[in-house]
Amino acid sequence: MSITRPGQSARYSFTGTASQLLRLNWAGTTISGSSWVSVSVLKPDGSSLASSSYATGATGGMDLPSLPASGTYTVVLDPPSASLTTASLSLVTR
């Protein structure tokens, strides 16, 4: 996932099933002009399921709460407004 314009966020959608347990992992993040980036996961209705922030170069992840409904979820990578970012994100079943 890459953000090539400062002030832009990146979105990735995935289909989830009610009660599914997932983990969002990140690695290989480079951030120009800042030392951190925020990541959030939105439910199908657009409300927040989970959020976190992490530092450039960090490898890690977050366990998502049990998905409340089946549908399309969205991962949003949102760096500070003056930053360009590249990141490797993956979703895995836990």
PDB file of N, CA and C in Angstrom:
ATOM      1  N   MET A   1       0.862  -1.154   0.000  1.00  0.00           N
ATOM      2  CA  MET A   1       0.000   0.000   0.000  1.00  0.00           C
ATOM      3  C   MET A   1       0.911   1.221   0.000  1.00  0.00           C
ATOM      4  N   SER A   2       0.662   2.156  -0.886  1.00  0.00           N
ATOM      5  CA  SER A   2       1.479   3.364  -0.965  1.00  0.00           C
ATOM      6  C   SER A   2       0.608   4.607  -0.981  1.00  0.00           C
ATOM      7  N   ILE A   3       1.101   5.637  -0.351  1.00  0.00           N
ATOM      8  CA  ILE A   3       0.466   6.955  -0.397  1.00  0.00           C
ATOM      9  C   ILE A   3       1.480   7.877  -1.049  1.00  0.00           C
ATOM     10  N   THR A   4       1.145   8.383  -2.221  1.00  0.00           N
ATOM     11  CA  THR A   4       2.112   9.160  -2.991  1.00  0.00           C
ATOM     12  C   THR A   4       1.859  10.658  -2.956  1.00  0.00           C
ATOM     13  N   ARG A   5       0.728  11.078  -2.396  1.00  0.00           N
ATOM     14  CA  ARG A   5       0.437  12.514  -2.281  1.00  0.00           C
ATOM     15  C   ARG A   5       0.298  12.881  -0.812  1.00  0.00           C
ATOM     16  N   PRO A   6       1.048  13.862  -0.331  1.00  0.00           N
ATOM     17  CA  PRO A   6       0.901  14.296   1.058  1.00  0.00           C
ATOM     18  C   PRO A   6      -0.550  14.663   1.362  1.00  0.00           C
ATOM     19  N   GLY A   7      -0.998  14.275   2.554  1.00  0.00           N
ATOM     20  CA  GLY A   7      -2.356  14.581   2.983  1.00  0.00           C
ATOM     21  C   GLY A   7      -3.384  13.552   2.565  1.00  0.00           C
ATOM     22  N   GLN A   8      -2.955  12.556   1.819  1.00  0.00           N
ATOM     23  CA  GLN A   8      -3.861  11.529   1.329  1.00  0.00           C
ATOM     24  C   GLN A   8      -3.863  10.338   2.283  1.00  0.00           C
ATOM     25  N   SER A   9      -4.971   9.611   2.359  1.00  0.00           N
ATOM     26  CA  SER A   9      -5.004   8.357   3.102  1.00  0.00           C
ATOM     27  C   SER A   9      -5.203   7.225   2.101  1.00  0.00           C
ATOM     28  N   ALA A  10      -4.894   6.009   2.533  1.00  0.00           N
ATOM     29  CA  ALA A  10      -5.069   4.836   1.677  1.00  0.00           C
ATOM     30  C   ALA A  10      -6.138   3.945   2.286  1.00  0.00           C
ATOM     31  N   ARG A  11      -6.947   3.329   1.433  1.00  0.00           N
ATOM     32  CA  ARG A  11      -8.023   2.450   1.890  1.00  0.00           C
ATOM     33  C   ARG A  11      -7.923   1.106   1.188  1.00  0.00           C
ATOM     34  N   TYR A  12      -8.208   0.063   1.957  1.00  0.00           N
ATOM     35  CA  TYR A  12      -8.230  -1.290   1.429  1.00  0.00           C
ATOM     36  C   TYR A  12      -9.471  -1.961   1.991  1.00  0.00           C
ATOM     37  N   SER A  13     -10.282  -2.558   1.136  1.00  0.00           N
ATOM     38  CA  SER A  13     -11.519  -3.208   1.580  1.00  0.00           C
ATOM     39  C   SER A  13     -11.360  -4.720   1.583  1.00  0.00           C
ATOM     40  N   PHE A  14     -12.048  -5.369   2.515  1.00  0.00           N
ATOM     41  CA  PHE A  14     -12.073  -6.827   2.568  1.00  0.00           C
ATOM     42  C   PHE A  14     -13.453  -7.284   3.022  1.00  0.00           C
ATOM     43  N   THR A  15     -13.806  -8.490   2.645  1.00  0.00           N
ATOM     44  CA  THR A  15     -15.087  -9.067   3.041  1.00  0.00           C
ATOM     45  C   THR A  15     -14.881  -9.898   4.297  1.00  0.00           C
ATOM     46  N   GLY A  16     -15.663  -9.604   5.327  1.00  0.00           N
ATOM     47  CA  GLY A  16     -15.588 -10.326   6.583  1.00  0.00           C
ATOM     48  C   GLY A  16     -16.901 -11.019   6.888  1.00  0.00           C
ATOM     49  N   THR A  17     -16.832 -11.982   7.789  1.00  0.00           N
ATOM     50  CA  THR A  17     -17.997 -12.751   8.206  1.00  0.00           C
ATOM     51  C   THR A  17     -18.245 -12.510   9.691  1.00  0.00           C
ATOM     52  N   ALA A  18     -19.506 -12.404  10.077  1.00  0.00           N
ATOM     53  CA  ALA A  18     -19.848 -12.196  11.491  1.00  0.00           C
ATOM     54  C   ALA A  18     -19.130 -13.221  12.361  1.00  0.00           C
ATOM     55  N   SER A  19     -18.589 -12.769  13.477  1.00  0.00           N
ATOM     56  CA  SER A  19     -17.866 -13.567  14.479  1.00  0.00           C
ATOM     57  C   SER A  19     -16.455 -13.968  14.051  1.00  0.00           C
ATOM     58  N   GLN A  20     -16.023 -13.577  12.869  1.00  0.00           N
ATOM     59  CA  GLN A  20     -14.679 -13.906  12.405  1.00  0.00           C
ATOM     60  C   GLN A  20     -13.647 -13.179  13.262  1.00  0.00           C
ATOM     61  N   LEU A  21     -12.544 -13.873  13.565  1.00  0.00           N
ATOM     62  CA  LEU A  21     -11.451 -13.296  14.349  1.00  0.00           C
ATOM     63  C   LEU A  21     -10.245 -13.100  13.435  1.00  0.00           C
ATOM     64  N   LEU A  22      -9.803 -11.853  13.323  1.00  0.00           N
ATOM     65  CA  LEU A  22      -8.703 -11.509  12.423  1.00  0.00           C
ATOM     66  C   LEU A  22      -7.630 -10.714  13.149  1.00  0.00           C
ATOM     67  N   ARG A  23      -6.445 -10.716  12.567  1.00  0.00           N
ATOM     68  CA  ARG A  23      -5.340  -9.884  13.036  1.00  0.00           C
ATOM     69  C   ARG A  23      -4.841  -9.083  11.844  1.00  0.00           C
ATOM     70  N   LEU A  24      -4.623  -7.791  12.055  1.00  0.00           N
ATOM     71  CA  LEU A  24      -4.047  -6.918  11.040  1.00  0.00           C
ATOM     72  C   LEU A  24      -2.573  -6.741  11.378  1.00  0.00           C
ATOM     73  N   ASN A  25      -1.700  -7.172  10.469  1.00  0.00           N
ATOM     74  CA  ASN A  25      -0.251  -7.059  10.666  1.00  0.00           C
ATOM     75  C   ASN A  25       0.318  -5.976   9.766  1.00  0.00           C
ATOM     76  N   TRP A  26       1.413  -5.353  10.212  1.00  0.00           N
ATOM     77  CA  TRP A  26       2.108  -4.363   9.392  1.00  0.00           C
ATOM     78  C   TRP A  26       3.610  -4.572   9.483  1.00  0.00           C
ATOM     79  N   ALA A  27       4.288  -4.202   8.408  1.00  0.00           N
ATOM     80  CA  ALA A  27       5.752  -4.321   8.336  1.00  0.00           C
ATOM     81  C   ALA A  27       6.237  -3.449   7.185  1.00  0.00           C
ATOM     82  N   GLY A  28       7.523  -3.181   7.161  1.00  0.00           N
ATOM     83  CA  GLY A  28       8.131  -2.474   6.042  1.00  0.00           C
ATOM     84  C   GLY A  28       7.597  -1.074   5.813  1.00  0.00           C
ATOM     85  N   THR A  29       7.190  -0.410   6.877  1.00  0.00           N
ATOM     86  CA  THR A  29       6.612   0.919   6.730  1.00  0.00           C
ATOM     87  C   THR A  29       7.705   1.982   6.661  1.00  0.00           C
ATOM     88  N   THR A  30       7.605   2.841   5.667  1.00  0.00           N
ATOM     89  CA  THR A  30       8.472   4.010   5.587  1.00  0.00           C
ATOM     90  C   THR A  30       7.578   5.239   5.545  1.00  0.00           C
ATOM     91  N   ILE A  31       7.935   6.222   6.323  1.00  0.00           N
ATOM     92  CA  ILE A  31       7.130   7.434   6.428  1.00  0.00           C
ATOM     93  C   ILE A  31       8.058   8.627   6.247  1.00  0.00           C
ATOM     94  N   SER A  32       7.798   9.432   5.245  1.00  0.00           N
ATOM     95  CA  SER A  32       8.606  10.615   4.977  1.00  0.00           C
ATOM     96  C   SER A  32       7.976  11.820   5.662  1.00  0.00           C
ATOM     97  N   GLY A  33       8.729  12.493   6.506  1.00  0.00           N
ATOM     98  CA  GLY A  33       8.231  13.705   7.148  1.00  0.00           C
ATOM     99  C   GLY A  33       7.540  13.480   8.473  1.00  0.00           C
ATOM    100  N   SER A  34       7.512  12.249   8.967  1.00  0.00           N
ATOM    101  CA  SER A  34       6.889  11.961  10.259  1.00  0.00           C
ATOM    102  C   SER A  34       7.465  10.659  10.795  1.00  0.00           C
ATOM    103  N   SER A  35       7.165  10.354  12.036  1.00  0.00           N
ATOM    104  CA  SER A  35       7.677   9.118  12.620  1.00  0.00           C
ATOM    105  C   SER A  35       6.571   8.124  12.945  1.00  0.00           C
ATOM    106  N   TRP A  36       5.318   8.420  12.578  1.00  0.00           N
ATOM    107  CA  TRP A  36       4.212   7.517  12.908  1.00  0.00           C
ATOM    108  C   TRP A  36       3.104   7.613  11.859  1.00  0.00           C
ATOM    109  N   VAL A  37       2.220   6.627  11.884  1.00  0.00           N
ATOM    110  CA  VAL A  37       1.051   6.588  11.004  1.00  0.00           C
ATOM    111  C   VAL A  37      -0.098   5.949  11.786  1.00  0.00           C
ATOM    112  N   SER A  38      -1.313   6.376  11.535  1.00  0.00           N
ATOM    113  CA  SER A  38      -2.458   5.744  12.193  1.00  0.00           C
ATOM    114  C   SER A  38      -3.143   4.793  11.221  1.00  0.00           C
ATOM    115  N   VAL A  39      -3.693   3.737  11.774  1.00  0.00           N
ATOM    116  CA  VAL A  39      -4.426   2.752  10.982  1.00  0.00           C
ATOM    117  C   VAL A  39      -5.736   2.463  11.704  1.00  0.00           C
ATOM    118  N   SER A  40      -6.812   2.373  10.950  1.00  0.00           N
ATOM    119  CA  SER A  40      -8.104   2.047  11.547  1.00  0.00           C
ATOM    120  C   SER A  40      -8.838   1.063  10.653  1.00  0.00           C
ATOM    121  N   VAL A  41      -9.761   0.338  11.268  1.00  0.00           N
ATOM    122  CA  VAL A  41     -10.608  -0.598  10.543  1.00  0.00           C
ATOM    123  C   VAL A  41     -12.042  -0.151  10.752  1.00  0.00           C
ATOM    124  N   LEU A  42     -12.753   0.037   9.646  1.00  0.00           N
ATOM    125  CA  LEU A  42     -14.136   0.496   9.696  1.00  0.00           C
ATOM    126  C   LEU A  42     -15.089  -0.658   9.429  1.00  0.00           C
ATOM    127  N   LYS A  43     -16.200  -0.674  10.151  1.00  0.00           N
ATOM    128  CA  LYS A  43     -17.257  -1.668   9.958  1.00  0.00           C
ATOM    129  C   LYS A  43     -18.000  -1.373   8.654  1.00  0.00           C
ATOM    130  N   PRO A  44     -18.836  -2.305   8.214  1.00  0.00           N
ATOM    131  CA  PRO A  44     -19.609  -2.063   6.985  1.00  0.00           C
ATOM    132  C   PRO A  44     -20.463  -0.793   7.036  1.00  0.00           C
ATOM    133  N   ASP A  45     -20.897  -0.372   8.233  1.00  0.00           N
ATOM    134  CA  ASP A  45     -21.707   0.850   8.340  1.00  0.00           C
ATOM    135  C   ASP A  45     -20.859   2.121   8.420  1.00  0.00           C
ATOM    136  N   GLY A  46     -19.525   1.976   8.358  1.00  0.00           N
ATOM    137  CA  GLY A  46     -18.622   3.121   8.381  1.00  0.00           C
ATOM    138  C   GLY A  46     -18.135   3.527   9.759  1.00  0.00           C
ATOM    139  N   SER A  47     -18.665   2.919  10.808  1.00  0.00           N
ATOM    140  CA  SER A  47     -18.197   3.236  12.160  1.00  0.00           C
ATOM    141  C   SER A  47     -16.908   2.465  12.457  1.00  0.00           C
ATOM    142  N   SER A  48     -16.205   2.883  13.497  1.00  0.00           N
ATOM    143  CA  SER A  48     -14.900   2.309  13.819  1.00  0.00           C
ATOM    144  C   SER A  48     -15.021   0.954  14.509  1.00  0.00           C
ATOM    145  N   LEU A  49     -14.224  -0.003  14.052  1.00  0.00           N
ATOM    146  CA  LEU A  49     -14.101  -1.298  14.717  1.00  0.00           C
ATOM    147  C   LEU A  49     -12.864  -1.296  15.608  1.00  0.00           C
ATOM    148  N   ALA A  50     -11.747  -0.769  15.099  1.00  0.00           N
ATOM    149  CA  ALA A  50     -10.487  -0.751  15.849  1.00  0.00           C
ATOM    150  C   ALA A  50      -9.563   0.294  15.237  1.00  0.00           C
ATOM    151  N   SER A  51      -8.619   0.781  16.054  1.00  0.00           N
ATOM    152  CA  SER A  51      -7.627   1.719  15.533  1.00  0.00           C
ATOM    153  C   SER A  51      -6.352   1.626  16.353  1.00  0.00           C
ATOM    154  N   SER A  52      -5.263   2.063  15.743  1.00  0.00           N
ATOM    155  CA  SER A  52      -3.963   2.049  16.396  1.00  0.00           C
ATOM    156  C   SER A  52      -3.062   3.017  15.644  1.00  0.00           C
ATOM    157  N   SER A  53      -1.871   3.226  16.162  1.00  0.00           N
ATOM    158  CA  SER A  53      -0.853   3.971  15.428  1.00  0.00           C
ATOM    159  C   SER A  53       0.470   3.258  15.652  1.00  0.00           C
ATOM    160  N   TYR A  54       1.381   3.437  14.713  1.00  0.00           N
ATOM    161  CA  TYR A  54       2.675   2.790  14.854  1.00  0.00           C
ATOM    162  C   TYR A  54       3.764   3.620  14.193  1.00  0.00           C
ATOM    163  N   ALA A  55       4.986   3.319  14.579  1.00  0.00           N
ATOM    164  CA  ALA A  55       6.150   4.102  14.158  1.00  0.00           C
ATOM    165  C   ALA A  55       6.737   3.582  12.856  1.00  0.00           C
ATOM    166  N   THR A  56       7.439   4.467  12.168  1.00  0.00           N
ATOM    167  CA  THR A  56       8.127   4.065  10.950  1.00  0.00           C
ATOM    168  C   THR A  56       9.098   2.926  11.257  1.00  0.00           C
ATOM    169  N   GLY A  57       9.162   1.966  10.371  1.00  0.00           N
ATOM    170  CA  GLY A  57      10.040   0.822  10.551  1.00  0.00           C
ATOM    171  C   GLY A  57       9.502  -0.252  11.467  1.00  0.00           C
ATOM    172  N   ALA A  58       8.372  -0.007  12.111  1.00  0.00           N
ATOM    173  CA  ALA A  58       7.827  -0.966  13.071  1.00  0.00           C
ATOM    174  C   ALA A  58       7.248  -2.189  12.364  1.00  0.00           C
ATOM    175  N   THR A  59       7.375  -3.320  13.031  1.00  0.00           N
ATOM    176  CA  THR A  59       6.713  -4.548  12.619  1.00  0.00           C
ATOM    177  C   THR A  59       5.815  -4.942  13.773  1.00  0.00           C
ATOM    178  N   GLY A  60       4.562  -5.216  13.491  1.00  0.00           N
ATOM    179  CA  GLY A  60       3.637  -5.581  14.559  1.00  0.00           C
ATOM    180  C   GLY A  60       2.249  -5.772  14.013  1.00  0.00           C
ATOM    181  N   GLY A  61       1.278  -5.558  14.867  1.00  0.00           N
ATOM    182  CA  GLY A  61      -0.099  -5.716  14.435  1.00  0.00           C
ATOM    183  C   GLY A  61      -1.056  -5.541  15.586  1.00  0.00           C
ATOM    184  N   MET A  62      -2.331  -5.750  15.273  1.00  0.00           N
ATOM    185  CA  MET A  62      -3.354  -5.677  16.309  1.00  0.00           C
ATOM    186  C   MET A  62      -4.415  -6.729  16.041  1.00  0.00           C
ATOM    187  N   ASP A  63      -4.849  -7.374  17.132  1.00  0.00           N
ATOM    188  CA  ASP A  63      -5.966  -8.300  17.046  1.00  0.00           C
ATOM    189  C   ASP A  63      -7.240  -7.486  16.944  1.00  0.00           C
ATOM    190  N   LEU A  64      -8.053  -7.783  15.948  1.00  0.00           N
ATOM    191  CA  LEU A  64      -9.324  -7.086  15.793  1.00  0.00           C
ATOM    192  C   LEU A  64     -10.374  -7.756  16.672  1.00  0.00           C
ATOM    193  N   PRO A  65     -11.337  -6.981  17.174  1.00  0.00           N
ATOM    194  CA  PRO A  65     -12.450  -7.597  17.891  1.00  0.00           C
ATOM    195  C   PRO A  65     -13.206  -8.527  16.934  1.00  0.00           C
ATOM    196  N   SER A  66     -13.955  -9.438  17.490  1.00  0.00           N
ATOM    197  CA  SER A  66     -14.802 -10.312  16.684  1.00  0.00           C
ATOM    198  C   SER A  66     -15.658  -9.454  15.752  1.00  0.00           C
ATOM    199  N   LEU A  67     -15.663  -9.774  14.466  1.00  0.00           N
ATOM    200  CA  LEU A  67     -16.430  -8.965  13.516  1.00  0.00           C
ATOM    201  C   LEU A  67     -17.917  -9.046  13.866  1.00  0.00           C
ATOM    202  N   PRO A  68     -18.586  -7.902  13.999  1.00  0.00           N
ATOM    203  CA  PRO A  68     -19.973  -7.883  14.453  1.00  0.00           C
ATOM    204  C   PRO A  68     -20.997  -8.275  13.388  1.00  0.00           C
ATOM    205  N   ALA A  69     -20.611  -8.214  12.118  1.00  0.00           N
ATOM    206  CA  ALA A  69     -21.562  -8.502  11.042  1.00  0.00           C
ATOM    207  C   ALA A  69     -20.795  -8.938   9.803  1.00  0.00           C
ATOM    208  N   SER A  70     -21.464  -9.639   8.927  1.00  0.00           N
ATOM    209  CA  SER A  70     -20.881  -9.971   7.634  1.00  0.00           C
ATOM    210  C   SER A  70     -20.980  -8.752   6.727  1.00  0.00           C
ATOM    211  N   GLY A  71     -19.969  -8.552   5.891  1.00  0.00           N
ATOM    212  CA  GLY A  71     -20.010  -7.420   4.975  1.00  0.00           C
ATOM    213  C   GLY A  71     -18.625  -6.949   4.597  1.00  0.00           C
ATOM    214  N   THR A  72     -18.563  -5.763   4.015  1.00  0.00           N
ATOM    215  CA  THR A  72     -17.308  -5.182   3.548  1.00  0.00           C
ATOM    216  C   THR A  72     -16.741  -4.242   4.608  1.00  0.00           C
ATOM    217  N   TYR A  73     -15.533  -4.554   5.051  1.00  0.00           N
ATOM    218  CA  TYR A  73     -14.811  -3.756   6.039  1.00  0.00           C
ATOM    219  C   TYR A  73     -13.719  -2.983   5.307  1.00  0.00           C
ATOM    220  N   THR A  74     -13.272  -1.875   5.893  1.00  0.00           N
ATOM    221  CA  THR A  74     -12.263  -1.037   5.252  1.00  0.00           C
ATOM    222  C   THR A  74     -11.120  -0.745   6.215  1.00  0.00           C
ATOM    223  N   VAL A  75      -9.898  -0.986   5.752  1.00  0.00           N
ATOM    224  CA  VAL A  75      -8.692  -0.607   6.490  1.00  0.00           C
ATOM    225  C   VAL A  75      -8.258   0.751   5.950  1.00  0.00           C
ATOM    226  N   VAL A  76      -8.040   1.711   6.856  1.00  0.00           N
ATOM    227  CA  VAL A  76      -7.624   3.059   6.460  1.00  0.00           C
ATOM    228  C   VAL A  76      -6.249   3.343   7.054  1.00  0.00           C
ATOM    229  N   LEU A  77      -5.295   3.647   6.203  1.00  0.00           N
ATOM    230  CA  LEU A  77      -3.949   4.042   6.611  1.00  0.00           C
ATOM    231  C   LEU A  77      -3.879   5.552   6.451  1.00  0.00           C
ATOM    232  N   ASP A  78      -3.643   6.257   7.554  1.00  0.00           N
ATOM    233  CA  ASP A  78      -3.754   7.716   7.544  1.00  0.00           C
ATOM    234  C   ASP A  78      -2.520   8.359   8.177  1.00  0.00           C
ATOM    235  N   PRO A  79      -1.540   8.741   7.357  1.00  0.00           N
ATOM    236  CA  PRO A  79      -0.349   9.405   7.895  1.00  0.00           C
ATOM    237  C   PRO A  79      -0.626  10.879   8.159  1.00  0.00           C
ATOM    238  N   PRO A  80       0.258  11.547   8.897  1.00  0.00           N
ATOM    239  CA  PRO A  80       0.129  12.997   9.060  1.00  0.00           C
ATOM    240  C   PRO A  80       0.093  13.674   7.689  1.00  0.00           C
ATOM    241  N   SER A  81      -0.477  14.846   7.625  1.00  0.00           N
ATOM    242  CA  SER A  81      -0.756  15.498   6.338  1.00  0.00           C
ATOM    243  C   SER A  81       0.466  15.760   5.466  1.00  0.00           C
ATOM    244  N   ALA A  82       1.638  15.878   6.037  1.00  0.00           N
ATOM    245  CA  ALA A  82       2.820  16.204   5.231  1.00  0.00           C
ATOM    246  C   ALA A  82       3.639  14.973   4.854  1.00  0.00           C
ATOM    247  N   SER A  83       3.070  13.776   5.033  1.00  0.00           N
ATOM    248  CA  SER A  83       3.865  12.564   4.868  1.00  0.00           C
ATOM    249  C   SER A  83       3.548  11.782   3.607  1.00  0.00           C
ATOM    250  N   LEU A  84       4.570  11.110   3.107  1.00  0.00           N
ATOM    251  CA  LEU A  84       4.426  10.098   2.073  1.00  0.00           C
ATOM    252  C   LEU A  84       4.733   8.769   2.735  1.00  0.00           C
ATOM    253  N   THR A  85       3.968   7.733   2.435  1.00  0.00           N
ATOM    254  CA  THR A  85       4.069   6.487   3.179  1.00  0.00           C
ATOM    255  C   THR A  85       4.005   5.280   2.260  1.00  0.00           C
ATOM    256  N   THR A  86       4.787   4.255   2.582  1.00  0.00           N
ATOM    257  CA  THR A  86       4.597   2.934   2.001  1.00  0.00           C
ATOM    258  C   THR A  86       4.509   1.953   3.157  1.00  0.00           C
ATOM    259  N   ALA A  87       3.663   0.940   3.016  1.00  0.00           N
ATOM    260  CA  ALA A  87       3.488  -0.029   4.091  1.00  0.00           C
ATOM    261  C   ALA A  87       3.027  -1.358   3.521  1.00  0.00           C
ATOM    262  N   SER A  88       3.389  -2.405   4.210  1.00  0.00           N
ATOM    263  CA  SER A  88       2.907  -3.736   3.886  1.00  0.00           C
ATOM    264  C   SER A  88       1.933  -4.141   4.986  1.00  0.00           C
ATOM    265  N   LEU A  89       0.669  -4.333   4.622  1.00  0.00           N
ATOM    266  CA  LEU A  89      -0.366  -4.731   5.573  1.00  0.00           C
ATOM    267  C   LEU A  89      -0.908  -6.092   5.170  1.00  0.00           C
ATOM    268  N   SER A  90      -1.250  -6.910   6.161  1.00  0.00           N
ATOM    269  CA  SER A  90      -1.869  -8.200   5.861  1.00  0.00           C
ATOM    270  C   SER A  90      -2.893  -8.534   6.933  1.00  0.00           C
ATOM    271  N   LEU A  91      -3.938  -9.226   6.517  1.00  0.00           N
ATOM    272  CA  LEU A  91      -4.964  -9.720   7.431  1.00  0.00           C
ATOM    273  C   LEU A  91      -4.821 -11.224   7.527  1.00  0.00           C
ATOM    274  N   VAL A  92      -4.811 -11.745   8.746  1.00  0.00           N
ATOM    275  CA  VAL A  92      -4.720 -13.186   8.950  1.00  0.00           C
ATOM    276  C   VAL A  92      -5.785 -13.615   9.949  1.00  0.00           C
ATOM    277  N   THR A  93      -6.227 -14.853   9.808  1.00  0.00           N
ATOM    278  CA  THR A  93      -7.183 -15.417  10.756  1.00  0.00           C
ATOM    279  C   THR A  93      -6.437 -15.780  12.027  1.00  0.00           C
ATOM    280  N   ARG A  94      -7.069 -15.541  13.166  1.00  0.00           N
ATOM    281  CA  ARG A  94      -6.431 -15.939  14.432  1.00  0.00           C
ATOM    282  C   ARG A  94      -7.303 -16.928  15.171  1.00  0.00           C
TER     283      ARG A  94
END
